[in-house]
Amino acid sequence: MGAKPRKSWRDKLADSKDLPRVEKISEKLSKRWGKGTVVIPAPKEVDEIMREVPQGKLITINQIRAKLAHKHNATIGCPMTTGIFAWIAANAAEETAAAGIKDITPYWRTLKTGGIINEKYPGRVEAQRKLLEREGHKIIQKGKRYVVADFEKYLVSFNFE
């Protein structure tokens, strides 16, 4: 019995399991998330939203969560899975680029709350900083974190009609 080959990032992105799923927010989580429902998105849904962000624009994980919640008529988008799936999308994009494919998800345009660069994305802060600066953004250091200066000016806006 040989070791099972590891799933590629692209395979992980394509594997929706039984997602998306909308669930009632549990009593335990309602202290943090409030009452209502939470959508646990499919990895591909997170990737599709990240892919829509044009050059020069930015999006935050919280905006992605809001868009997912609206799409599925849920109160909120799950913070945990949305963040994990954004990370999978970022790694899948790099894997795709390594295969010589140019059309990849521009994951570096997806920021954490407060305009913070996600240090868990491929190449860490340095690689994303270069990509963001190439698109005209100014990066500033705040404590140990790196933030896109005036990021609010560059956020994509969604119409929820």
N, C-alpha and C. Protein backbone atom coordinates (compact mmCIF):
# COMPACT_ATOMS: atom_id res chain seq x y z
N MET A 1 0.84 -1.20 0.00
CA MET A 1 0.00 0.00 0.00
C MET A 1 0.88 1.25 0.00
N GLY A 2 0.86 1.98 -1.09
CA GLY A 2 1.62 3.23 -1.16
C GLY A 2 0.85 4.34 -0.48
N ALA A 3 1.54 5.41 -0.21
CA ALA A 3 0.89 6.57 0.39
C ALA A 3 -0.07 7.19 -0.63
N LYS A 4 -1.20 7.65 -0.14
CA LYS A 4 -2.18 8.28 -1.02
C LYS A 4 -1.59 9.61 -1.50
N PRO A 5 -1.66 9.88 -2.81
CA PRO A 5 -1.09 11.15 -3.27
C PRO A 5 -1.84 12.32 -2.64
N ARG A 6 -1.10 13.36 -2.30
CA ARG A 6 -1.73 14.54 -1.70
C ARG A 6 -2.59 15.24 -2.72
N LYS A 7 -3.69 15.74 -2.26
CA LYS A 7 -4.58 16.51 -3.13
C LYS A 7 -3.90 17.82 -3.51
N SER A 8 -4.02 18.18 -4.77
CA SER A 8 -3.47 19.47 -5.19
C SER A 8 -4.38 20.58 -4.66
N TRP A 9 -3.87 21.81 -4.67
CA TRP A 9 -4.67 22.95 -4.24
C TRP A 9 -5.88 23.11 -5.15
N ARG A 10 -5.66 22.85 -6.46
CA ARG A 10 -6.77 22.98 -7.41
C ARG A 10 -7.85 21.93 -7.13
N ASP A 11 -7.43 20.73 -6.71
CA ASP A 11 -8.40 19.69 -6.34
C ASP A 11 -9.18 20.12 -5.10
N LYS A 12 -8.47 20.70 -4.13
CA LYS A 12 -9.14 21.16 -2.90
C LYS A 12 -10.16 22.26 -3.22
N LEU A 13 -9.79 23.13 -4.16
CA LEU A 13 -10.68 24.21 -4.55
C LEU A 13 -11.94 23.67 -5.23
N ALA A 14 -11.77 22.62 -6.02
CA ALA A 14 -12.90 22.05 -6.78
C ALA A 14 -13.80 21.16 -5.93
N ASP A 15 -13.29 20.71 -4.77
CA ASP A 15 -14.04 19.78 -3.92
C ASP A 15 -15.03 20.53 -3.04
N SER A 16 -16.30 20.52 -3.45
CA SER A 16 -17.32 21.26 -2.70
C SER A 16 -17.89 20.48 -1.53
N LYS A 17 -17.52 19.21 -1.39
CA LYS A 17 -18.10 18.35 -0.36
C LYS A 17 -19.62 18.51 -0.43
N ASP A 18 -20.27 18.90 0.65
CA ASP A 18 -21.72 19.12 0.58
C ASP A 18 -22.04 20.61 0.77
N LEU A 19 -21.17 21.45 0.22
CA LEU A 19 -21.31 22.89 0.39
C LEU A 19 -21.75 23.54 -0.91
N PRO A 20 -22.37 24.71 -0.88
CA PRO A 20 -22.68 25.55 0.28
C PRO A 20 -23.83 24.98 1.11
N ARG A 21 -23.84 25.40 2.37
CA ARG A 21 -24.87 24.94 3.30
C ARG A 21 -25.22 26.11 4.24
N VAL A 22 -26.49 26.31 4.47
CA VAL A 22 -26.93 27.35 5.41
C VAL A 22 -27.42 26.64 6.66
N GLU A 23 -26.92 27.06 7.80
CA GLU A 23 -27.29 26.45 9.08
C GLU A 23 -27.71 27.53 10.07
N LYS A 24 -28.51 27.12 11.04
CA LYS A 24 -28.89 28.03 12.13
C LYS A 24 -27.63 28.24 12.98
N ILE A 25 -27.41 29.48 13.41
CA ILE A 25 -26.26 29.77 14.28
C ILE A 25 -26.53 29.13 15.63
N SER A 26 -25.60 28.30 16.07
CA SER A 26 -25.77 27.58 17.34
C SER A 26 -25.77 28.55 18.52
N GLU A 27 -26.32 28.07 19.63
CA GLU A 27 -26.39 28.87 20.85
C GLU A 27 -24.98 29.34 21.24
N LYS A 28 -24.03 28.41 21.16
CA LYS A 28 -22.64 28.70 21.55
C LYS A 28 -22.04 29.81 20.68
N LEU A 29 -22.26 29.73 19.37
CA LEU A 29 -21.68 30.72 18.46
C LEU A 29 -22.46 32.02 18.42
N SER A 30 -23.72 32.00 18.87
CA SER A 30 -24.54 33.22 18.79
C SER A 30 -23.99 34.34 19.67
N LYS A 31 -23.20 33.99 20.69
CA LYS A 31 -22.58 35.03 21.52
C LYS A 31 -21.61 35.86 20.68
N ARG A 32 -20.91 35.20 19.76
CA ARG A 32 -19.94 35.88 18.92
C ARG A 32 -20.56 36.41 17.63
N TRP A 33 -21.45 35.63 17.03
CA TRP A 33 -21.96 35.94 15.70
C TRP A 33 -23.37 36.52 15.69
N GLY A 34 -24.05 36.50 16.81
CA GLY A 34 -25.43 36.95 16.84
C GLY A 34 -26.37 35.82 16.44
N LYS A 35 -27.65 36.11 16.40
CA LYS A 35 -28.64 35.08 16.06
C LYS A 35 -28.91 35.08 14.57
N GLY A 36 -29.46 33.98 14.08
CA GLY A 36 -29.81 33.89 12.67
C GLY A 36 -29.19 32.67 12.02
N THR A 37 -28.78 32.86 10.76
CA THR A 37 -28.21 31.74 10.01
C THR A 37 -26.82 32.10 9.48
N VAL A 38 -26.04 31.07 9.25
CA VAL A 38 -24.69 31.23 8.72
C VAL A 38 -24.57 30.38 7.45
N VAL A 39 -23.97 30.95 6.41
CA VAL A 39 -23.71 30.16 5.21
C VAL A 39 -22.27 29.67 5.28
N ILE A 40 -22.11 28.38 5.06
CA ILE A 40 -20.78 27.79 4.93
C ILE A 40 -20.62 27.63 3.42
N PRO A 41 -19.80 28.49 2.81
CA PRO A 41 -19.72 28.50 1.36
C PRO A 41 -18.95 27.32 0.79
N ALA A 42 -19.08 27.12 -0.51
CA ALA A 42 -18.23 26.16 -1.21
C ALA A 42 -16.93 26.90 -1.56
N PRO A 43 -15.80 26.19 -1.58
CA PRO A 43 -14.53 26.86 -1.90
C PRO A 43 -14.59 27.65 -3.21
N LYS A 44 -15.23 27.07 -4.22
CA LYS A 44 -15.32 27.72 -5.54
C LYS A 44 -16.04 29.07 -5.47
N GLU A 45 -17.05 29.18 -4.59
CA GLU A 45 -17.80 30.44 -4.47
C GLU A 45 -16.89 31.57 -3.99
N VAL A 46 -16.03 31.25 -3.03
CA VAL A 46 -15.09 32.25 -2.50
C VAL A 46 -14.12 32.65 -3.61
N ASP A 47 -13.63 31.66 -4.35
CA ASP A 47 -12.70 31.91 -5.46
C ASP A 47 -13.36 32.79 -6.53
N GLU A 48 -14.62 32.51 -6.86
CA GLU A 48 -15.33 33.28 -7.89
C GLU A 48 -15.43 34.75 -7.51
N ILE A 49 -15.71 35.04 -6.24
CA ILE A 49 -15.80 36.43 -5.79
C ILE A 49 -14.43 37.09 -5.86
N MET A 50 -13.39 36.38 -5.42
CA MET A 50 -12.02 36.92 -5.45
C MET A 50 -11.61 37.22 -6.90
N ARG A 51 -12.03 36.37 -7.81
CA ARG A 51 -11.67 36.47 -9.22
C ARG A 51 -12.27 37.72 -9.88
N GLU A 52 -13.42 38.19 -9.34
CA GLU A 52 -14.13 39.36 -9.90
C GLU A 52 -13.45 40.69 -9.60
N VAL A 53 -12.49 40.71 -8.69
CA VAL A 53 -11.89 41.98 -8.26
C VAL A 53 -10.91 42.47 -9.35
N PRO A 54 -11.24 43.61 -9.98
CA PRO A 54 -10.39 44.09 -11.07
C PRO A 54 -9.08 44.72 -10.57
N GLN A 55 -8.13 44.84 -11.49
CA GLN A 55 -6.85 45.46 -11.15
C GLN A 55 -7.10 46.85 -10.60
N GLY A 56 -6.35 47.20 -9.54
CA GLY A 56 -6.49 48.51 -8.90
C GLY A 56 -7.53 48.52 -7.79
N LYS A 57 -8.38 47.49 -7.74
CA LYS A 57 -9.41 47.40 -6.71
C LYS A 57 -9.01 46.37 -5.65
N LEU A 58 -9.71 46.40 -4.52
CA LEU A 58 -9.44 45.49 -3.41
C LEU A 58 -10.76 44.99 -2.83
N ILE A 59 -10.67 43.91 -2.06
CA ILE A 59 -11.83 43.39 -1.35
C ILE A 59 -11.33 42.85 -0.01
N THR A 60 -12.21 42.85 0.99
CA THR A 60 -11.83 42.26 2.27
C THR A 60 -12.60 40.95 2.44
N ILE A 61 -12.09 40.11 3.31
CA ILE A 61 -12.77 38.85 3.63
C ILE A 61 -14.19 39.15 4.12
N ASN A 62 -14.35 40.22 4.90
CA ASN A 62 -15.69 40.56 5.40
C ASN A 62 -16.65 40.93 4.28
N GLN A 63 -16.14 41.57 3.23
CA GLN A 63 -17.00 41.87 2.07
C GLN A 63 -17.41 40.58 1.37
N ILE A 64 -16.47 39.65 1.26
CA ILE A 64 -16.78 38.35 0.65
C ILE A 64 -17.86 37.65 1.48
N ARG A 65 -17.71 37.68 2.80
CA ARG A 65 -18.70 37.06 3.68
C ARG A 65 -20.08 37.69 3.50
N ALA A 66 -20.12 39.02 3.38
CA ALA A 66 -21.39 39.73 3.21
C ALA A 66 -22.04 39.33 1.88
N LYS A 67 -21.23 39.23 0.84
CA LYS A 67 -21.75 38.85 -0.48
C LYS A 67 -22.30 37.43 -0.44
N LEU A 68 -21.60 36.53 0.22
CA LEU A 68 -22.05 35.13 0.35
C LEU A 68 -23.36 35.05 1.16
N ALA A 69 -23.41 35.80 2.24
CA ALA A 69 -24.62 35.80 3.09
C ALA A 69 -25.81 36.28 2.27
N HIS A 70 -25.61 37.35 1.51
CA HIS A 70 -26.70 37.88 0.68
C HIS A 70 -27.14 36.86 -0.36
N LYS A 71 -26.18 36.24 -1.03
CA LYS A 71 -26.47 35.25 -2.08
C LYS A 71 -27.32 34.10 -1.55
N HIS A 72 -27.05 33.68 -0.32
CA HIS A 72 -27.72 32.51 0.25
C HIS A 72 -28.82 32.87 1.26
N ASN A 73 -29.17 34.16 1.33
CA ASN A 73 -30.19 34.62 2.28
C ASN A 73 -29.87 34.20 3.72
N ALA A 74 -28.61 34.31 4.07
CA ALA A 74 -28.17 33.97 5.43
C ALA A 74 -27.85 35.27 6.17
N THR A 75 -27.80 35.19 7.49
CA THR A 75 -27.47 36.37 8.30
C THR A 75 -26.00 36.76 8.11
N ILE A 76 -25.12 35.75 8.13
CA ILE A 76 -23.69 36.00 7.96
C ILE A 76 -23.04 34.90 7.11
N GLY A 77 -21.85 35.21 6.60
CA GLY A 77 -21.00 34.21 5.95
C GLY A 77 -20.02 33.71 7.00
N CYS A 78 -19.75 32.44 7.02
CA CYS A 78 -18.86 31.85 8.03
C CYS A 78 -17.45 32.43 7.95
N PRO A 79 -16.98 33.06 9.04
CA PRO A 79 -15.64 33.65 9.03
C PRO A 79 -14.53 32.61 8.85
N MET A 80 -14.68 31.46 9.50
CA MET A 80 -13.64 30.43 9.44
C MET A 80 -13.47 29.87 8.04
N THR A 81 -14.55 29.30 7.49
CA THR A 81 -14.42 28.65 6.19
C THR A 81 -14.13 29.65 5.08
N THR A 82 -14.68 30.86 5.15
CA THR A 82 -14.41 31.85 4.11
C THR A 82 -12.91 32.16 4.07
N GLY A 83 -12.31 32.34 5.25
CA GLY A 83 -10.87 32.60 5.32
C GLY A 83 -10.04 31.43 4.82
N ILE A 84 -10.43 30.23 5.20
CA ILE A 84 -9.70 29.02 4.77
C ILE A 84 -9.82 28.86 3.25
N PHE A 85 -11.03 29.08 2.72
CA PHE A 85 -11.22 28.90 1.28
C PHE A 85 -10.50 29.98 0.47
N ALA A 86 -10.36 31.19 1.03
CA ALA A 86 -9.58 32.24 0.36
C ALA A 86 -8.12 31.81 0.29
N TRP A 87 -7.63 31.19 1.35
CA TRP A 87 -6.25 30.68 1.42
C TRP A 87 -6.06 29.55 0.40
N ILE A 88 -7.03 28.66 0.29
CA ILE A 88 -6.96 27.58 -0.70
C ILE A 88 -6.97 28.18 -2.11
N ALA A 89 -7.83 29.18 -2.35
CA ALA A 89 -7.90 29.84 -3.66
C ALA A 89 -6.56 30.47 -4.02
N ALA A 90 -5.91 31.09 -3.03
CA ALA A 90 -4.61 31.73 -3.26
C ALA A 90 -3.57 30.69 -3.66
N ASN A 91 -3.53 29.58 -2.95
CA ASN A 91 -2.56 28.53 -3.26
C ASN A 91 -2.88 27.85 -4.59
N ALA A 92 -4.16 27.68 -4.89
CA ALA A 92 -4.57 27.10 -6.18
C ALA A 92 -4.16 28.03 -7.32
N ALA A 93 -4.26 29.34 -7.10
CA ALA A 93 -3.86 30.31 -8.12
C ALA A 93 -2.37 30.19 -8.41
N GLU A 94 -1.56 30.07 -7.36
CA GLU A 94 -0.11 29.92 -7.55
C GLU A 94 0.23 28.61 -8.24
N GLU A 95 -0.49 27.55 -7.90
CA GLU A 95 -0.30 26.25 -8.52
C GLU A 95 -0.64 26.34 -10.03
N THR A 96 -1.71 27.06 -10.34
CA THR A 96 -2.13 27.27 -11.72
C THR A 96 -1.06 28.07 -12.48
N ALA A 97 -0.55 29.13 -11.85
CA ALA A 97 0.50 29.95 -12.46
C ALA A 97 1.76 29.12 -12.71
N ALA A 98 2.09 28.24 -11.77
CA ALA A 98 3.27 27.37 -11.90
C ALA A 98 3.11 26.40 -13.07
N ALA A 99 1.86 26.11 -13.42
CA ALA A 99 1.57 25.22 -14.56
C ALA A 99 1.60 26.00 -15.88
N GLY A 100 1.95 27.28 -15.80
CA GLY A 100 2.08 28.09 -17.00
C GLY A 100 0.81 28.78 -17.46
N ILE A 101 -0.22 28.75 -16.62
CA ILE A 101 -1.49 29.38 -16.98
C ILE A 101 -1.50 30.80 -16.42
N LYS A 102 -1.77 31.77 -17.28
CA LYS A 102 -1.69 33.17 -16.89
C LYS A 102 -2.96 33.68 -16.18
N ASP A 103 -4.12 33.14 -16.54
CA ASP A 103 -5.38 33.64 -15.99
C ASP A 103 -5.64 33.01 -14.62
N ILE A 104 -5.15 33.69 -13.58
CA ILE A 104 -5.31 33.15 -12.22
C ILE A 104 -6.13 34.12 -11.36
N THR A 105 -6.63 33.61 -10.26
CA THR A 105 -7.36 34.43 -9.29
C THR A 105 -6.38 35.43 -8.66
N PRO A 106 -6.69 36.73 -8.72
CA PRO A 106 -5.80 37.74 -8.14
C PRO A 106 -5.97 37.83 -6.62
N TYR A 107 -5.53 36.79 -5.95
CA TYR A 107 -5.75 36.65 -4.50
C TYR A 107 -5.14 37.77 -3.68
N TRP A 108 -4.06 38.39 -4.18
CA TRP A 108 -3.39 39.45 -3.43
C TRP A 108 -4.29 40.67 -3.23
N ARG A 109 -5.37 40.74 -4.00
CA ARG A 109 -6.32 41.85 -3.85
C ARG A 109 -7.32 41.60 -2.73
N THR A 110 -7.29 40.42 -2.13
CA THR A 110 -8.19 40.09 -1.02
C THR A 110 -7.44 40.31 0.29
N LEU A 111 -7.93 41.26 1.06
CA LEU A 111 -7.27 41.66 2.31
C LEU A 111 -8.07 41.20 3.52
N LYS A 112 -7.37 41.20 4.65
CA LYS A 112 -8.04 40.92 5.91
C LYS A 112 -8.72 42.22 6.37
N THR A 113 -9.51 42.14 7.43
CA THR A 113 -10.17 43.31 7.99
C THR A 113 -9.14 44.40 8.27
N GLY A 114 -9.49 45.63 7.97
CA GLY A 114 -8.59 46.74 8.24
C GLY A 114 -7.54 46.94 7.15
N GLY A 115 -7.69 46.24 6.00
CA GLY A 115 -6.75 46.41 4.89
C GLY A 115 -5.42 45.69 5.09
N ILE A 116 -5.41 44.73 6.01
CA ILE A 116 -4.18 43.99 6.33
C ILE A 116 -3.89 42.93 5.27
N ILE A 117 -2.63 42.89 4.84
CA ILE A 117 -2.19 41.88 3.89
C ILE A 117 -2.17 40.53 4.61
N ASN A 118 -2.68 39.50 3.95
CA ASN A 118 -2.75 38.17 4.56
C ASN A 118 -1.38 37.49 4.46
N GLU A 119 -0.74 37.36 5.62
CA GLU A 119 0.61 36.78 5.66
C GLU A 119 0.63 35.28 5.38
N LYS A 120 -0.55 34.64 5.31
CA LYS A 120 -0.60 33.20 5.05
C LYS A 120 -0.68 32.88 3.56
N TYR A 121 -0.87 33.91 2.72
CA TYR A 121 -0.94 33.67 1.28
C TYR A 121 0.45 33.29 0.75
N PRO A 122 0.51 32.67 -0.43
CA PRO A 122 1.80 32.26 -1.00
C PRO A 122 2.78 33.43 -1.08
N GLY A 123 4.03 33.15 -0.74
CA GLY A 123 5.05 34.18 -0.79
C GLY A 123 5.00 35.15 0.38
N ARG A 124 4.10 34.88 1.29
CA ARG A 124 3.93 35.72 2.49
C ARG A 124 3.69 37.19 2.12
N VAL A 125 3.95 38.09 3.04
CA VAL A 125 3.68 39.51 2.84
C VAL A 125 4.52 40.08 1.69
N GLU A 126 5.78 39.68 1.60
CA GLU A 126 6.68 40.24 0.58
C GLU A 126 6.16 40.10 -0.83
N ALA A 127 5.72 38.90 -1.20
CA ALA A 127 5.24 38.64 -2.56
C ALA A 127 3.99 39.47 -2.85
N GLN A 128 3.08 39.52 -1.90
CA GLN A 128 1.84 40.27 -2.11
C GLN A 128 2.11 41.76 -2.17
N ARG A 129 3.03 42.20 -1.35
CA ARG A 129 3.39 43.62 -1.33
C ARG A 129 3.85 44.04 -2.73
N LYS A 130 4.71 43.23 -3.34
CA LYS A 130 5.20 43.53 -4.69
C LYS A 130 4.06 43.58 -5.69
N LEU A 131 3.15 42.60 -5.62
CA LEU A 131 2.02 42.55 -6.55
C LEU A 131 1.09 43.75 -6.36
N LEU A 132 0.83 44.11 -5.11
CA LEU A 132 -0.05 45.25 -4.82
C LEU A 132 0.60 46.57 -5.24
N GLU A 133 1.91 46.71 -4.99
CA GLU A 133 2.63 47.94 -5.37
C GLU A 133 2.65 48.08 -6.88
N ARG A 134 2.80 46.95 -7.58
CA ARG A 134 2.79 46.95 -9.05
C ARG A 134 1.46 47.48 -9.57
N GLU A 135 0.38 47.28 -8.79
CA GLU A 135 -0.95 47.75 -9.19
C GLU A 135 -1.24 49.17 -8.65
N GLY A 136 -0.21 49.81 -8.09
CA GLY A 136 -0.34 51.21 -7.68
C GLY A 136 -0.70 51.44 -6.22
N HIS A 137 -0.75 50.39 -5.41
CA HIS A 137 -1.08 50.57 -4.00
C HIS A 137 0.17 50.86 -3.18
N LYS A 138 0.00 51.64 -2.13
CA LYS A 138 1.09 51.96 -1.21
C LYS A 138 0.91 51.07 0.02
N ILE A 139 1.97 50.40 0.44
CA ILE A 139 1.90 49.51 1.60
C ILE A 139 2.62 50.18 2.76
N ILE A 140 1.97 50.18 3.91
CA ILE A 140 2.59 50.75 5.11
C ILE A 140 2.64 49.71 6.21
N GLN A 141 3.63 49.83 7.08
CA GLN A 141 3.74 48.90 8.19
C GLN A 141 3.07 49.51 9.42
N LYS A 142 2.23 48.70 10.06
CA LYS A 142 1.57 49.12 11.31
C LYS A 142 1.89 48.03 12.32
N GLY A 143 2.83 48.32 13.21
CA GLY A 143 3.26 47.28 14.15
C GLY A 143 3.91 46.16 13.37
N LYS A 144 3.42 44.93 13.56
CA LYS A 144 3.99 43.79 12.85
C LYS A 144 3.26 43.51 11.54
N ARG A 145 2.20 44.27 11.29
CA ARG A 145 1.36 44.00 10.12
C ARG A 145 1.63 44.99 9.00
N TYR A 146 1.30 44.55 7.81
CA TYR A 146 1.41 45.40 6.63
C TYR A 146 0.01 45.66 6.10
N VAL A 147 -0.25 46.93 5.82
CA VAL A 147 -1.58 47.38 5.45
C VAL A 147 -1.51 48.18 4.15
N VAL A 148 -2.56 48.07 3.33
CA VAL A 148 -2.64 48.90 2.13
C VAL A 148 -3.14 50.27 2.58
N ALA A 149 -2.34 51.31 2.31
CA ALA A 149 -2.70 52.68 2.70
C ALA A 149 -3.99 53.09 2.00
N ASP A 150 -4.88 53.74 2.74
CA ASP A 150 -6.16 54.21 2.19
C ASP A 150 -6.92 53.12 1.44
N PHE A 151 -6.83 51.88 1.93
CA PHE A 151 -7.45 50.75 1.24
C PHE A 151 -8.95 50.95 0.99
N GLU A 152 -9.61 51.70 1.89
CA GLU A 152 -11.07 51.91 1.77
C GLU A 152 -11.43 52.55 0.43
N LYS A 153 -10.54 53.40 -0.09
CA LYS A 153 -10.79 54.09 -1.36
C LYS A 153 -10.84 53.12 -2.54
N TYR A 154 -10.23 51.96 -2.37
CA TYR A 154 -10.08 51.02 -3.49
C TYR A 154 -11.00 49.80 -3.40
N LEU A 155 -11.83 49.75 -2.36
CA LEU A 155 -12.69 48.58 -2.19
C LEU A 155 -13.75 48.50 -3.28
N VAL A 156 -13.99 47.30 -3.76
CA VAL A 156 -15.06 47.11 -4.74
C VAL A 156 -16.38 47.34 -4.03
N SER A 157 -17.36 47.80 -4.78
CA SER A 157 -18.68 47.94 -4.15
C SER A 157 -19.63 46.99 -4.84
N PHE A 158 -20.51 46.43 -4.04
CA PHE A 158 -21.48 45.46 -4.55
C PHE A 158 -22.87 46.04 -4.48
N ASN A 159 -23.65 45.74 -5.48
CA ASN A 159 -25.06 46.09 -5.44
C ASN A 159 -25.80 44.84 -5.02
N PHE A 160 -26.56 44.92 -3.96
CA PHE A 160 -27.28 43.75 -3.47
C PHE A 160 -28.73 43.71 -3.94
N GLU A 161 -29.05 44.47 -5.01
CA GLU A 161 -30.43 44.47 -5.50
C GLU A 161 -30.72 43.18 -6.23
